[in-house]
Amino acid sequence: MEGTTLFVSIVIIVFGVLQIILFFKLWRMTNRVKEIDHMMRDRIHDYEFYMLSGQKEKAYNYIRNELINKLIDLQRTTYSIRFITTANKVMPRYIKKMQETGFEVPKHLLSAESFIEYRDKLHKL
């Protein structure tokens, strides 16, 4: 009986410590989600801010860089066929915003296929 009580006590203590660790990990994770949400809102605000203030060139550069970063991240994390379908769904929104600025959209940013082709040429240099 004494051995069983000791074993159960040790299990309960270990379980309690693990719950405390999990609590703090979850707390830190929720704070990180708040930071990410804040950063995302700032990004959207930047494009709108530039457009509303008449700084169309800055708005164009901002949205173009956002699209390029999105495509590079997508290409790193997905296979080529999935990249093409996903990128072709995402790109029109960015292309529309670039066109709203009045600047020409680069040819390699018009489709996922042209982006891959252009990036392959860059890697060969």
C-alpha atoms as a PDB file:
ATOM      1  CA  MET A   1       0.000   0.000   0.000  1.00  0.00           C
ATOM      2  CA  GLU A   2       2.825   2.374   0.863  1.00  0.00           C
ATOM      3  CA  GLY A   3       4.543   1.722  -2.494  1.00  0.00           C
ATOM      4  CA  THR A   4       1.351   2.442  -4.411  1.00  0.00           C
ATOM      5  CA  THR A   5       0.805   5.700  -2.521  1.00  0.00           C
ATOM      6  CA  LEU A   6       4.379   6.784  -3.286  1.00  0.00           C
ATOM      7  CA  PHE A   7       3.994   5.928  -6.986  1.00  0.00           C
ATOM      8  CA  VAL A   8       0.668   7.785  -7.283  1.00  0.00           C
ATOM      9  CA  SER A   9       2.142  10.802  -5.461  1.00  0.00           C
ATOM     10  CA  ILE A  10       5.099  10.966  -7.874  1.00  0.00           C
ATOM     11  CA  VAL A  11       2.786  10.676 -10.897  1.00  0.00           C
ATOM     12  CA  ILE A  12       0.562  13.474  -9.568  1.00  0.00           C
ATOM     13  CA  ILE A  13       3.559  15.743  -8.919  1.00  0.00           C
ATOM     14  CA  VAL A  14       4.978  15.123 -12.416  1.00  0.00           C
ATOM     15  CA  PHE A  15       1.534  15.681 -13.946  1.00  0.00           C
ATOM     16  CA  GLY A  16       1.142  18.957 -12.000  1.00  0.00           C
ATOM     17  CA  VAL A  17       4.543  20.249 -13.119  1.00  0.00           C
ATOM     18  CA  LEU A  18       3.743  19.404 -16.739  1.00  0.00           C
ATOM     19  CA  GLN A  19       0.428  21.258 -16.487  1.00  0.00           C
ATOM     20  CA  ILE A  20       2.186  24.347 -15.155  1.00  0.00           C
ATOM     21  CA  ILE A  21       4.696  24.224 -18.024  1.00  0.00           C
ATOM     22  CA  LEU A  22       1.860  23.804 -20.538  1.00  0.00           C
ATOM     23  CA  PHE A  23       0.003  26.758 -19.030  1.00  0.00           C
ATOM     24  CA  PHE A  24       2.957  29.103 -19.512  1.00  0.00           C
ATOM     25  CA  LYS A  25       3.600  27.831 -23.039  1.00  0.00           C
ATOM     26  CA  LEU A  26      -0.015  28.524 -23.989  1.00  0.00           C
ATOM     27  CA  TRP A  27       0.140  31.949 -22.386  1.00  0.00           C
ATOM     28  CA  ARG A  28       3.266  32.821 -24.379  1.00  0.00           C
ATOM     29  CA  MET A  29       1.636  31.488 -27.560  1.00  0.00           C
ATOM     30  CA  THR A  30      -1.444  33.689 -27.141  1.00  0.00           C
ATOM     31  CA  ASN A  31       0.791  36.735 -26.694  1.00  0.00           C
ATOM     32  CA  ARG A  32       2.588  35.811 -29.925  1.00  0.00           C
ATOM     33  CA  VAL A  33      -0.742  35.553 -31.768  1.00  0.00           C
ATOM     34  CA  LYS A  34      -1.590  39.075 -30.585  1.00  0.00           C
ATOM     35  CA  GLU A  35       1.770  40.326 -31.933  1.00  0.00           C
ATOM     36  CA  ILE A  36       1.196  38.634 -35.295  1.00  0.00           C
ATOM     37  CA  ASP A  37      -2.315  40.072 -35.514  1.00  0.00           C
ATOM     38  CA  HIS A  38      -0.956  43.545 -34.769  1.00  0.00           C
ATOM     39  CA  MET A  39       1.741  43.157 -37.461  1.00  0.00           C
ATOM     40  CA  MET A  40      -0.823  42.023 -40.043  1.00  0.00           C
ATOM     41  CA  ARG A  41      -3.039  45.006 -39.316  1.00  0.00           C
ATOM     42  CA  ASP A  42      -0.057  47.334 -39.703  1.00  0.00           C
ATOM     43  CA  ARG A  43       0.758  45.839 -43.120  1.00  0.00           C
ATOM     44  CA  ILE A  44      -2.747  46.401 -44.424  1.00  0.00           C
ATOM     45  CA  HIS A  45      -2.689  49.900 -42.964  1.00  0.00           C
ATOM     46  CA  ASP A  46       0.561  50.746 -44.752  1.00  0.00           C
ATOM     47  CA  TYR A  47      -0.837  50.126 -48.240  1.00  0.00           C
ATOM     48  CA  GLU A  48      -4.024  52.009 -47.440  1.00  0.00           C
ATOM     49  CA  PHE A  49      -2.083  54.828 -45.824  1.00  0.00           C
ATOM     50  CA  TYR A  50       0.134  55.294 -48.889  1.00  0.00           C
ATOM     51  CA  MET A  51      -2.838  55.226 -51.253  1.00  0.00           C
ATOM     52  CA  LEU A  52      -4.895  57.645 -49.158  1.00  0.00           C
ATOM     53  CA  SER A  53      -1.999  60.047 -48.780  1.00  0.00           C
ATOM     54  CA  GLY A  54      -1.346  60.040 -52.544  1.00  0.00           C
ATOM     55  CA  GLN A  55       2.003  58.254 -52.297  1.00  0.00           C
ATOM     56  CA  LYS A  56       1.180  55.777 -55.026  1.00  0.00           C
ATOM     57  CA  GLU A  57       4.767  54.797 -55.773  1.00  0.00           C
ATOM     58  CA  LYS A  58       5.323  53.775 -52.148  1.00  0.00           C
ATOM     59  CA  ALA A  59       2.010  51.886 -52.182  1.00  0.00           C
ATOM     60  CA  TYR A  60       3.084  50.100 -55.380  1.00  0.00           C
ATOM     61  CA  ASN A  61       6.489  49.162 -53.943  1.00  0.00           C
ATOM     62  CA  TYR A  62       4.901  47.978 -50.732  1.00  0.00           C
ATOM     63  CA  ILE A  63       2.303  45.721 -52.374  1.00  0.00           C
ATOM     64  CA  ARG A  64       4.822  44.420 -54.950  1.00  0.00           C
ATOM     65  CA  ASN A  65       7.229  43.440 -52.158  1.00  0.00           C
ATOM     66  CA  GLU A  66       4.388  41.800 -50.236  1.00  0.00           C
ATOM     67  CA  LEU A  67       3.499  39.706 -53.282  1.00  0.00           C
ATOM     68  CA  ILE A  68       7.108  38.684 -53.899  1.00  0.00           C
ATOM     69  CA  ASN A  69       7.573  37.675 -50.249  1.00  0.00           C
ATOM     70  CA  LYS A  70       4.310  35.714 -50.335  1.00  0.00           C
ATOM     71  CA  LEU A  71       5.345  33.876 -53.504  1.00  0.00           C
ATOM     72  CA  ILE A  72       8.805  33.020 -52.161  1.00  0.00           C
ATOM     73  CA  ASP A  73       7.308  31.709 -48.912  1.00  0.00           C
ATOM     74  CA  LEU A  74       4.705  29.692 -50.815  1.00  0.00           C
ATOM     75  CA  GLN A  75       7.317  28.204 -53.105  1.00  0.00           C
ATOM     76  CA  ARG A  76       9.458  27.137 -50.137  1.00  0.00           C
ATOM     77  CA  THR A  77       6.571  25.449 -48.343  1.00  0.00           C
ATOM     78  CA  THR A  78       4.620  23.785 -51.166  1.00  0.00           C
ATOM     79  CA  TYR A  79       5.229  21.463 -54.086  1.00  0.00           C
ATOM     80  CA  SER A  80       5.278  22.933 -57.593  1.00  0.00           C
ATOM     81  CA  ILE A  81       1.764  21.919 -58.688  1.00  0.00           C
ATOM     82  CA  ARG A  82       0.220  23.047 -55.410  1.00  0.00           C
ATOM     83  CA  PHE A  83       2.312  26.234 -55.537  1.00  0.00           C
ATOM     84  CA  ILE A  84       0.945  27.091 -58.976  1.00  0.00           C
ATOM     85  CA  THR A  85      -2.701  26.619 -57.978  1.00  0.00           C
ATOM     86  CA  THR A  86      -2.313  28.427 -54.648  1.00  0.00           C
ATOM     87  CA  ALA A  87      -0.267  31.291 -56.082  1.00  0.00           C
ATOM     88  CA  ASN A  88      -2.659  31.799 -58.988  1.00  0.00           C
ATOM     89  CA  LYS A  89      -5.487  32.161 -56.453  1.00  0.00           C
ATOM     90  CA  VAL A  90      -3.541  34.684 -54.328  1.00  0.00           C
ATOM     91  CA  MET A  91      -1.953  36.794 -57.079  1.00  0.00           C
ATOM     92  CA  PRO A  92      -5.041  38.537 -58.551  1.00  0.00           C
ATOM     93  CA  ARG A  93      -5.675  40.435 -55.318  1.00  0.00           C
ATOM     94  CA  TYR A  94      -2.130  41.818 -55.305  1.00  0.00           C
ATOM     95  CA  ILE A  95      -2.161  42.477 -59.060  1.00  0.00           C
ATOM     96  CA  LYS A  96      -5.383  44.472 -58.721  1.00  0.00           C
ATOM     97  CA  LYS A  97      -3.850  46.598 -55.970  1.00  0.00           C
ATOM     98  CA  MET A  98      -0.706  47.206 -58.045  1.00  0.00           C
ATOM     99  CA  GLN A  99      -2.830  48.270 -61.003  1.00  0.00           C
ATOM    100  CA  GLU A 100      -4.766  50.665 -58.766  1.00  0.00           C
ATOM    101  CA  THR A 101      -1.519  52.546 -58.153  1.00  0.00           C
ATOM    102  CA  GLY A 102      -1.193  53.244 -61.877  1.00  0.00           C
ATOM    103  CA  PHE A 103       2.131  51.450 -62.270  1.00  0.00           C
ATOM    104  CA  GLU A 104       2.728  48.518 -64.590  1.00  0.00           C
ATOM    105  CA  VAL A 105       2.815  45.048 -63.072  1.00  0.00           C
ATOM    106  CA  PRO A 106       6.065  43.211 -63.940  1.00  0.00           C
ATOM    107  CA  LYS A 107       5.537  40.302 -66.332  1.00  0.00           C
ATOM    108  CA  HIS A 108       7.019  37.786 -63.919  1.00  0.00           C
ATOM    109  CA  LEU A 109       4.352  38.676 -61.344  1.00  0.00           C
ATOM    110  CA  LEU A 110       1.354  38.089 -63.595  1.00  0.00           C
ATOM    111  CA  SER A 111       1.183  34.311 -63.041  1.00  0.00           C
ATOM    112  CA  ALA A 112       2.802  31.623 -60.937  1.00  0.00           C
ATOM    113  CA  GLU A 113       4.278  30.013 -64.044  1.00  0.00           C
ATOM    114  CA  SER A 114       5.995  33.214 -65.145  1.00  0.00           C
ATOM    115  CA  PHE A 115       7.299  33.721 -61.584  1.00  0.00           C
ATOM    116  CA  ILE A 116       8.845  30.236 -61.545  1.00  0.00           C
ATOM    117  CA  GLU A 117      10.356  30.780 -64.983  1.00  0.00           C
ATOM    118  CA  TYR A 118      11.861  34.132 -63.983  1.00  0.00           C
ATOM    119  CA  ARG A 119      13.185  32.774 -60.680  1.00  0.00           C
ATOM    120  CA  ASP A 120      14.799  29.816 -62.483  1.00  0.00           C
ATOM    121  CA  LYS A 121      16.570  32.252 -64.821  1.00  0.00           C
ATOM    122  CA  LEU A 122      17.874  34.166 -61.800  1.00  0.00           C
ATOM    123  CA  HIS A 123      19.210  30.981 -60.213  1.00  0.00           C
ATOM    124  CA  LYS A 124      21.085  30.075 -63.414  1.00  0.00           C
ATOM    125  CA  LEU A 125      23.004  33.371 -63.405  1.00  0.00           C
END
